[in-house]
PDB file of N, CA and C in Angstrom:
ATOM      1  N   MET A   1      -0.732  -0.083 -46.133  1.00  0.00           N
ATOM      2  CA  MET A   1      -0.280   1.199 -46.137  1.00  0.00           C
ATOM      3  C   MET A   1      -1.121   1.896 -45.244  1.00  0.00           C
ATOM      4  N   GLY A   2      -2.434   1.764 -45.431  1.00  0.00           N
ATOM      5  CA  GLY A   2      -3.240   2.871 -44.877  1.00  0.00           C
ATOM      6  C   GLY A   2      -3.227   2.499 -43.319  1.00  0.00           C
ATOM      7  N   ASP A   3      -2.671   1.514 -43.004  1.00  0.00           N
ATOM      8  CA  ASP A   3      -2.974   1.233 -41.535  1.00  0.00           C
ATOM      9  C   ASP A   3      -1.682   1.872 -40.571  1.00  0.00           C
ATOM     10  N   MET A   4      -0.770   2.498 -41.559  1.00  0.00           N
ATOM     11  CA  MET A   4       0.329   3.074 -40.638  1.00  0.00           C
ATOM     12  C   MET A   4       0.064   4.021 -39.758  1.00  0.00           C
ATOM     13  N   GLY A   5      -0.959   4.728 -39.851  1.00  0.00           N
ATOM     14  CA  GLY A   5      -1.294   6.008 -39.088  1.00  0.00           C
ATOM     15  C   GLY A   5      -1.873   5.081 -37.578  1.00  0.00           C
ATOM     16  N   GLY A   6      -2.602   3.940 -37.673  1.00  0.00           N
ATOM     17  CA  GLY A   6      -3.009   3.648 -36.571  1.00  0.00           C
ATOM     18  C   GLY A   6      -1.645   2.872 -35.604  1.00  0.00           C
ATOM     19  N   MET A   7      -0.762   2.347 -36.467  1.00  0.00           N
ATOM     20  CA  MET A   7       0.446   1.575 -35.877  1.00  0.00           C
ATOM     21  C   MET A   7       1.322   3.009 -35.408  1.00  0.00           C
ATOM     22  N   ALA A   8       1.396   4.092 -36.056  1.00  0.00           N
ATOM     23  CA  ALA A   8       1.984   5.008 -35.406  1.00  0.00           C
ATOM     24  C   ALA A   8       1.436   5.700 -34.014  1.00  0.00           C
ATOM     25  N   ALA A   9       0.397   5.489 -34.058  1.00  0.00           N
ATOM     26  CA  ALA A   9      -0.295   6.073 -32.754  1.00  0.00           C
ATOM     27  C   ALA A   9      -0.172   5.173 -31.796  1.00  0.00           C
ATOM     28  N   SER A  10      -0.238   3.956 -32.019  1.00  0.00           N
ATOM     29  CA  SER A  10      -0.160   3.068 -30.812  1.00  0.00           C
ATOM     30  C   SER A  10       1.551   2.986 -30.465  1.00  0.00           C
ATOM     31  N   LEU A  11       2.538   3.256 -31.349  1.00  0.00           N
ATOM     32  CA  LEU A  11       3.588   3.448 -30.825  1.00  0.00           C
ATOM     33  C   LEU A  11       4.164   4.519 -30.113  1.00  0.00           C
ATOM     34  N   GLY A  12       3.139   5.417 -30.381  1.00  0.00           N
ATOM     35  CA  GLY A  12       3.318   6.893 -29.870  1.00  0.00           C
ATOM     36  C   GLY A  12       2.652   6.733 -28.275  1.00  0.00           C
ATOM     37  N   ALA A  13       1.929   5.997 -28.042  1.00  0.00           N
ATOM     38  CA  ALA A  13       1.067   5.567 -26.902  1.00  0.00           C
ATOM     39  C   ALA A  13       1.983   4.777 -25.998  1.00  0.00           C
ATOM     40  N   LEU A  14       2.845   3.617 -26.775  1.00  0.00           N
ATOM     41  CA  LEU A  14       3.587   3.043 -26.223  1.00  0.00           C
ATOM     42  C   LEU A  14       4.843   3.598 -25.496  1.00  0.00           C
ATOM     43  N   PHE A  15       5.366   4.666 -26.257  1.00  0.00           N
ATOM     44  CA  PHE A  15       6.621   5.406 -25.933  1.00  0.00           C
ATOM     45  C   PHE A  15       6.121   6.377 -24.777  1.00  0.00           C
ATOM     46  N   PHE A  16       4.947   6.572 -24.670  1.00  0.00           N
ATOM     47  CA  PHE A  16       4.512   7.524 -23.546  1.00  0.00           C
ATOM     48  C   PHE A  16       4.406   6.875 -22.231  1.00  0.00           C
ATOM     49  N   VAL A  17       4.174   5.440 -22.326  1.00  0.00           N
ATOM     50  CA  VAL A  17       4.024   4.738 -21.204  1.00  0.00           C
ATOM     51  C   VAL A  17       5.451   4.462 -20.677  1.00  0.00           C
ATOM     52  N   PHE A  18       6.203   4.089 -21.614  1.00  0.00           N
ATOM     53  CA  PHE A  18       7.839   4.007 -21.150  1.00  0.00           C
ATOM     54  C   PHE A  18       8.390   5.322 -20.677  1.00  0.00           C
ATOM     55  N   TYR A  19       8.058   6.296 -21.060  1.00  0.00           N
ATOM     56  CA  TYR A  19       8.521   7.822 -20.523  1.00  0.00           C
ATOM     57  C   TYR A  19       7.868   7.883 -19.275  1.00  0.00           C
ATOM     58  N   LEU A  20       6.650   7.630 -18.872  1.00  0.00           N
ATOM     59  CA  LEU A  20       6.028   7.712 -17.566  1.00  0.00           C
ATOM     60  C   LEU A  20       6.703   6.942 -16.743  1.00  0.00           C
ATOM     61  N   ILE A  21       7.216   5.489 -17.053  1.00  0.00           N
ATOM     62  CA  ILE A  21       7.793   4.633 -16.325  1.00  0.00           C
ATOM     63  C   ILE A  21       9.195   5.205 -15.812  1.00  0.00           C
ATOM     64  N   GLY A  22       9.972   5.491 -16.754  1.00  0.00           N
ATOM     65  CA  GLY A  22      11.198   6.335 -16.679  1.00  0.00           C
ATOM     66  C   GLY A  22      11.622   7.455 -15.645  1.00  0.00           C
ATOM     67  N   VAL A  23      10.337   8.182 -15.780  1.00  0.00           N
ATOM     68  CA  VAL A  23      10.010   9.558 -14.846  1.00  0.00           C
ATOM     69  C   VAL A  23       9.790   8.848 -13.534  1.00  0.00           C
ATOM     70  N   ALA A  24       9.228   8.072 -13.346  1.00  0.00           N
ATOM     71  CA  ALA A  24       8.778   7.425 -11.959  1.00  0.00           C
ATOM     72  C   ALA A  24      10.253   6.658 -11.599  1.00  0.00           C
ATOM     73  N   ILE A  25      10.836   6.302 -12.092  1.00  0.00           N
ATOM     74  CA  ILE A  25      12.051   5.462 -11.670  1.00  0.00           C
ATOM     75  C   ILE A  25      13.137   6.629 -11.258  1.00  0.00           C
ATOM     76  N   VAL A  26      13.181   7.690 -11.844  1.00  0.00           N
ATOM     77  CA  VAL A  26      13.902   8.555 -11.357  1.00  0.00           C
ATOM     78  C   VAL A  26      13.347   9.567 -10.243  1.00  0.00           C
ATOM     79  N   ALA A  27      12.140  10.059 -10.371  1.00  0.00           N
ATOM     80  CA  ALA A  27      11.492  10.840  -9.447  1.00  0.00           C
ATOM     81  C   ALA A  27      11.151  10.274  -8.192  1.00  0.00           C
ATOM     82  N   VAL A  28      10.840   8.984  -8.074  1.00  0.00           N
ATOM     83  CA  VAL A  28      10.366   8.571  -6.756  1.00  0.00           C
ATOM     84  C   VAL A  28      11.588   8.617  -5.722  1.00  0.00           C
ATOM     85  N   PRO A  29      12.818   7.878  -6.246  1.00  0.00           N
ATOM     86  CA  PRO A  29      13.799   7.717  -5.256  1.00  0.00           C
ATOM     87  C   PRO A  29      14.441   9.066  -4.755  1.00  0.00           C
ATOM     88  N   PHE A  30      14.405  10.348  -5.822  1.00  0.00           N
ATOM     89  CA  PHE A  30      14.533  11.642  -5.341  1.00  0.00           C
ATOM     90  C   PHE A  30      13.862  12.286  -4.601  1.00  0.00           C
ATOM     91  N   TRP A  31      12.436  12.108  -4.683  1.00  0.00           N
ATOM     92  CA  TRP A  31      11.489  12.391  -3.609  1.00  0.00           C
ATOM     93  C   TRP A  31      11.796  11.987  -2.201  1.00  0.00           C
ATOM     94  N   PHE A  32      12.038  10.767  -1.968  1.00  0.00           N
ATOM     95  CA  PHE A  32      12.522  10.233  -0.933  1.00  0.00           C
ATOM     96  C   PHE A  32      13.943  10.673  -0.184  1.00  0.00           C
ATOM     97  N   ILE A  33      14.905  10.741  -1.413  1.00  0.00           N
ATOM     98  CA  ILE A  33      16.040  11.309  -0.694  1.00  0.00           C
ATOM     99  C   ILE A  33      15.983  12.715  -0.166  1.00  0.00           C
ATOM    100  N   LEU A  34      15.320  13.573  -1.204  1.00  0.00           N
ATOM    101  CA  LEU A  34      15.295  14.883  -0.562  1.00  0.00           C
ATOM    102  C   LEU A  34      14.368  15.157   0.695  1.00  0.00           C
ATOM    103  N   LYS A  35      13.355  14.335   0.731  1.00  0.00           N
ATOM    104  CA  LYS A  35      12.585  14.133   1.896  1.00  0.00           C
ATOM    105  C   LYS A  35      13.495  14.122   3.070  1.00  0.00           C
ATOM    106  N   ARG A  36      14.296  12.840   3.033  1.00  0.00           N
ATOM    107  CA  ARG A  36      14.995  12.681   4.290  1.00  0.00           C
ATOM    108  C   ARG A  36      15.865  13.351   4.658  1.00  0.00           C
ATOM    109  N   ALA A  37      16.480  14.012   3.742  1.00  0.00           N
ATOM    110  CA  ALA A  37      17.418  15.117   3.891  1.00  0.00           C
ATOM    111  C   ALA A  37      17.126  16.363   4.561  1.00  0.00           C
ATOM    112  N   GLY A  38      15.805  16.690   4.576  1.00  0.00           N
ATOM    113  CA  GLY A  38      15.278  17.522   5.238  1.00  0.00           C
ATOM    114  C   GLY A  38      14.645  18.670   4.194  1.00  0.00           C
ATOM    115  N   PHE A  39      15.121  18.551   2.883  1.00  0.00           N
ATOM    116  CA  PHE A  39      14.571  19.577   1.902  1.00  0.00           C
ATOM    117  C   PHE A  39      13.228  19.042   1.274  1.00  0.00           C
ATOM    118  N   SER A  40      12.573  20.259   0.596  1.00  0.00           N
ATOM    119  CA  SER A  40      11.416  20.184   0.004  1.00  0.00           C
ATOM    120  C   SER A  40      11.302  18.992  -1.055  1.00  0.00           C
ATOM    121  N   PRO A  41      10.523  17.782  -1.040  1.00  0.00           N
ATOM    122  CA  PRO A  41      10.649  16.981  -1.757  1.00  0.00           C
ATOM    123  C   PRO A  41       9.989  17.434  -3.498  1.00  0.00           C
ATOM    124  N   TYR A  42       9.509  18.676  -3.249  1.00  0.00           N
ATOM    125  CA  TYR A  42       9.063  19.553  -4.467  1.00  0.00           C
ATOM    126  C   TYR A  42      10.169  19.642  -5.469  1.00  0.00           C
ATOM    127  N   LEU A  43      11.506  19.727  -4.939  1.00  0.00           N
ATOM    128  CA  LEU A  43      12.426  19.901  -5.840  1.00  0.00           C
ATOM    129  C   LEU A  43      12.773  18.814  -7.154  1.00  0.00           C
ATOM    130  N   THR A  44      12.019  17.553  -6.617  1.00  0.00           N
ATOM    131  CA  THR A  44      11.986  16.727  -7.601  1.00  0.00           C
ATOM    132  C   THR A  44      11.472  17.046  -8.927  1.00  0.00           C
ATOM    133  N   LEU A  45      10.279  18.182  -9.048  1.00  0.00           N
ATOM    134  CA  LEU A  45       9.712  18.637 -10.083  1.00  0.00           C
ATOM    135  C   LEU A  45      10.764  19.118 -11.222  1.00  0.00           C
ATOM    136  N   LEU A  46      12.217  19.402 -10.601  1.00  0.00           N
ATOM    137  CA  LEU A  46      13.051  20.203 -11.440  1.00  0.00           C
ATOM    138  C   LEU A  46      13.478  18.957 -12.397  1.00  0.00           C
ATOM    139  N   ASN A  47      13.420  17.819 -12.118  1.00  0.00           N
ATOM    140  CA  ASN A  47      14.100  16.713 -12.965  1.00  0.00           C
ATOM    141  C   ASN A  47      12.926  16.492 -14.182  1.00  0.00           C
ATOM    142  N   LEU A  48      11.595  17.073 -13.896  1.00  0.00           N
ATOM    143  CA  LEU A  48      10.681  17.200 -15.037  1.00  0.00           C
ATOM    144  C   LEU A  48      10.758  18.184 -15.759  1.00  0.00           C
ATOM    145  N   ILE A  49      11.028  19.468 -15.273  1.00  0.00           N
ATOM    146  CA  ILE A  49      11.000  20.872 -15.724  1.00  0.00           C
ATOM    147  C   ILE A  49      12.115  20.991 -16.690  1.00  0.00           C
ATOM    148  N   LEU A  50      13.212  20.820 -15.993  1.00  0.00           N
ATOM    149  CA  LEU A  50      14.508  21.093 -16.546  1.00  0.00           C
ATOM    150  C   LEU A  50      15.392  19.946 -17.045  1.00  0.00           C
ATOM    151  N   GLY A  51      16.057  19.891 -18.094  1.00  0.00           N
ATOM    152  CA  GLY A  51      16.741  18.938 -18.418  1.00  0.00           C
ATOM    153  C   GLY A  51      18.107  18.520 -17.448  1.00  0.00           C
ATOM    154  N   LEU A  52      18.350  19.621 -16.924  1.00  0.00           N
ATOM    155  CA  LEU A  52      19.849  19.617 -15.825  1.00  0.00           C
ATOM    156  C   LEU A  52      19.165  19.493 -14.642  1.00  0.00           C
ATOM    157  N   GLY A  53      17.816  19.147 -14.324  1.00  0.00           N
ATOM    158  CA  GLY A  53      17.453  19.145 -12.855  1.00  0.00           C
ATOM    159  C   GLY A  53      18.203  18.072 -12.176  1.00  0.00           C
ATOM    160  N   THR A  54      18.384  17.045 -12.441  1.00  0.00           N
ATOM    161  CA  THR A  54      19.214  16.054 -11.632  1.00  0.00           C
ATOM    162  C   THR A  54      20.437  16.484 -11.200  1.00  0.00           C
ATOM    163  N   LEU A  55      21.290  17.126 -11.783  1.00  0.00           N
ATOM    164  CA  LEU A  55      22.356  17.947 -11.616  1.00  0.00           C
ATOM    165  C   LEU A  55      22.435  18.928 -10.695  1.00  0.00           C
ATOM    166  N   VAL A  56      21.062  19.850 -10.906  1.00  0.00           N
ATOM    167  CA  VAL A  56      21.158  20.872  -9.885  1.00  0.00           C
ATOM    168  C   VAL A  56      20.747  20.202  -8.505  1.00  0.00           C
ATOM    169  N   ILE A  57      19.815  19.118  -8.496  1.00  0.00           N
ATOM    170  CA  ILE A  57      19.490  18.489  -7.081  1.00  0.00           C
ATOM    171  C   ILE A  57      20.555  17.697  -6.439  1.00  0.00           C
ATOM    172  N   MET A  58      21.536  17.441  -7.232  1.00  0.00           N
ATOM    173  CA  MET A  58      22.602  16.526  -6.704  1.00  0.00           C
ATOM    174  C   MET A  58      23.855  17.740  -6.034  1.00  0.00           C
ATOM    175  N   ALA A  59      23.719  18.942  -6.967  1.00  0.00           N
ATOM    176  CA  ALA A  59      24.665  19.876  -6.300  1.00  0.00           C
ATOM    177  C   ALA A  59      24.118  20.572  -5.100  1.00  0.00           C
ATOM    178  N   ILE A  60      22.616  20.844  -4.809  1.00  0.00           N
ATOM    179  CA  ILE A  60      21.971  21.032  -3.874  1.00  0.00           C
ATOM    180  C   ILE A  60      22.487  20.023  -2.613  1.00  0.00           C
ATOM    181  N   LEU A  61      22.099  18.983  -2.870  1.00  0.00           N
ATOM    182  CA  LEU A  61      22.646  17.823  -1.803  1.00  0.00           C
ATOM    183  C   LEU A  61      23.968  17.707  -1.335  1.00  0.00           C
ATOM    184  N   ALA A  62      24.752  17.784  -2.465  1.00  0.00           N
ATOM    185  CA  ALA A  62      26.355  17.842  -2.124  1.00  0.00           C
ATOM    186  C   ALA A  62      26.761  19.213  -1.564  1.00  0.00           C
ATOM    187  N   PHE A  63      26.331  20.327  -1.582  1.00  0.00           N
ATOM    188  CA  PHE A  63      27.205  21.741  -1.314  1.00  0.00           C
ATOM    189  C   PHE A  63      26.501  22.401  -0.242  1.00  0.00           C
ATOM    190  N   SER A  64      25.265  21.859   0.279  1.00  0.00           N
ATOM    191  CA  SER A  64      24.534  22.436   1.106  1.00  0.00           C
ATOM    192  C   SER A  64      24.532  21.878   2.397  1.00  0.00           C
ATOM    193  N   ARG A  65      23.964  22.679   3.401  1.00  0.00           N
ATOM    194  CA  ARG A  65      23.860  21.943   4.876  1.00  0.00           C
ATOM    195  C   ARG A  65      22.724  21.359   5.067  1.00  0.00           C
ATOM    196  N   TRP A  66      22.512  20.186   5.194  1.00  0.00           N
ATOM    197  CA  TRP A  66      21.327  19.307   5.263  1.00  0.00           C
ATOM    198  C   TRP A  66      20.412  19.623   6.569  1.00  0.00           C
ATOM    199  N   PRO A  67      19.380  20.107   6.419  1.00  0.00           N
ATOM    200  CA  PRO A  67      18.296  20.555   7.377  1.00  0.00           C
ATOM    201  C   PRO A  67      18.011  19.334   8.479  1.00  0.00           C
ATOM    202  N   ALA A  68      18.216  18.390   8.083  1.00  0.00           N
ATOM    203  CA  ALA A  68      17.811  17.094   8.889  1.00  0.00           C
ATOM    204  C   ALA A  68      19.108  16.523   9.742  1.00  0.00           C
ATOM    205  N   GLY A  69      20.284  17.345   9.110  1.00  0.00           N
ATOM    206  CA  GLY A  69      21.371  16.988   9.864  1.00  0.00           C
ATOM    207  C   GLY A  69      22.331  15.824   9.378  1.00  0.00           C
ATOM    208  N   GLU A  70      23.148  15.199   9.605  1.00  0.00           N
ATOM    209  CA  GLU A  70      23.896  14.196   9.430  1.00  0.00           C
ATOM    210  C   GLU A  70      23.527  12.919   9.288  1.00  0.00           C
ATOM    211  N   SER A  71      22.429  12.933  10.580  1.00  0.00           N
ATOM    212  CA  SER A  71      21.764  11.613  11.007  1.00  0.00           C
ATOM    213  C   SER A  71      20.728  11.291   9.919  1.00  0.00           C
ATOM    214  N   GLY A  72      20.104  12.227   9.208  1.00  0.00           N
ATOM    215  CA  GLY A  72      19.315  11.863   8.039  1.00  0.00           C
ATOM    216  C   GLY A  72      17.907  12.087   8.928  1.00  0.00           C
ATOM    217  N   ARG A  73      17.749  12.233  10.082  1.00  0.00           N
ATOM    218  CA  ARG A  73      16.465  12.616  10.717  1.00  0.00           C
ATOM    219  C   ARG A  73      16.178  13.853  11.401  1.00  0.00           C
ATOM    220  N   THR A  74      14.954  14.265  11.359  1.00  0.00           N
ATOM    221  CA  THR A  74      14.754  15.519  11.957  1.00  0.00           C
ATOM    222  C   THR A  74      15.038  15.808  13.549  1.00  0.00           C
ATOM    223  N   SER A  75      15.112  16.975  13.869  1.00  0.00           N
ATOM    224  CA  SER A  75      15.514  17.112  15.307  1.00  0.00           C
ATOM    225  C   SER A  75      14.333  17.121  15.982  1.00  0.00           C
ATOM    226  N   THR A  76      14.496  16.452  17.305  1.00  0.00           N
ATOM    227  CA  THR A  76      13.411  16.628  18.090  1.00  0.00           C
ATOM    228  C   THR A  76      13.440  17.599  19.013  1.00  0.00           C
ATOM    229  N   VAL A  77      12.475  17.836  19.882  1.00  0.00           N
ATOM    230  CA  VAL A  77      12.670  18.926  21.109  1.00  0.00           C
ATOM    231  C   VAL A  77      13.770  18.670  22.043  1.00  0.00           C
ATOM    232  N   GLN A  78      13.950  17.619  22.556  1.00  0.00           N
ATOM    233  CA  GLN A  78      15.074  16.937  23.122  1.00  0.00           C
ATOM    234  C   GLN A  78      16.491  17.082  22.757  1.00  0.00           C
ATOM    235  N   ASP A  79      16.439  16.986  21.366  1.00  0.00           N
ATOM    236  CA  ASP A  79      17.853  17.339  20.783  1.00  0.00           C
ATOM    237  C   ASP A  79      18.063  18.840  20.893  1.00  0.00           C
ATOM    238  N   LEU A  80      17.054  19.659  20.582  1.00  0.00           N
ATOM    239  CA  LEU A  80      17.293  21.211  20.692  1.00  0.00           C
ATOM    240  C   LEU A  80      17.528  21.473  22.046  1.00  0.00           C
ATOM    241  N   LEU A  81      17.056  21.021  22.939  1.00  0.00           N
ATOM    242  CA  LEU A  81      17.255  21.321  24.546  1.00  0.00           C
ATOM    243  C   LEU A  81      18.952  20.786  24.958  1.00  0.00           C
ATOM    244  N   ARG A  82      19.265  19.717  24.427  1.00  0.00           N
ATOM    245  CA  ARG A  82      20.528  19.399  24.704  1.00  0.00           C
ATOM    246  C   ARG A  82      21.379  20.271  24.044  1.00  0.00           C
ATOM    247  N   GLN A  83      21.239  20.745  23.075  1.00  0.00           N
ATOM    248  CA  GLN A  83      22.249  21.575  22.066  1.00  0.00           C
ATOM    249  C   GLN A  83      22.227  23.099  23.022  1.00  0.00           C
ATOM    250  N   VAL A  84      20.914  23.477  23.460  1.00  0.00           N
ATOM    251  CA  VAL A  84      21.170  24.856  24.375  1.00  0.00           C
ATOM    252  C   VAL A  84      21.780  24.790  25.380  1.00  0.00           C
ATOM    253  N   GLN A  85      21.537  23.562  26.098  1.00  0.00           N
ATOM    254  CA  GLN A  85      22.107  23.367  27.257  1.00  0.00           C
ATOM    255  C   GLN A  85      23.687  22.881  27.233  1.00  0.00           C
ATOM    256  N   GLY A  86      24.305  22.794  26.170  1.00  0.00           N
ATOM    257  CA  GLY A  86      25.920  22.641  25.780  1.00  0.00           C
ATOM    258  C   GLY A  86      26.113  21.174  25.531  1.00  0.00           C
ATOM    259  N   GLY A  87      25.199  20.290  25.640  1.00  0.00           N
ATOM    260  CA  GLY A  87      25.492  18.802  25.278  1.00  0.00           C
ATOM    261  C   GLY A  87      25.419  18.486  23.805  1.00  0.00           C
ATOM    262  N   ARG A  88      25.799  17.743  23.302  1.00  0.00           N
ATOM    263  CA  ARG A  88      25.462  17.172  21.962  1.00  0.00           C
ATOM    264  C   ARG A  88      24.505  15.814  21.989  1.00  0.00           C
TER     265      ARG A  88
END
């Protein structure tokens, strides 16, 4: 009966490790998706701060214009010059 405190502490530490693994499983893909879409990858921190962070990020991705464009890559100087000259 006296060892219950030690067991509770070890279960708490185990829960914390699994929590960190779960956060990484969610945060790492969002980091790369936001970066590739041209947004600040630091928006991923909304997942950690807000309970509804995932929904907010998904709404941003779904309803806004992506800075990286449809191709998922950033524009180069040649792309910008072609747009100015009228070509696509």
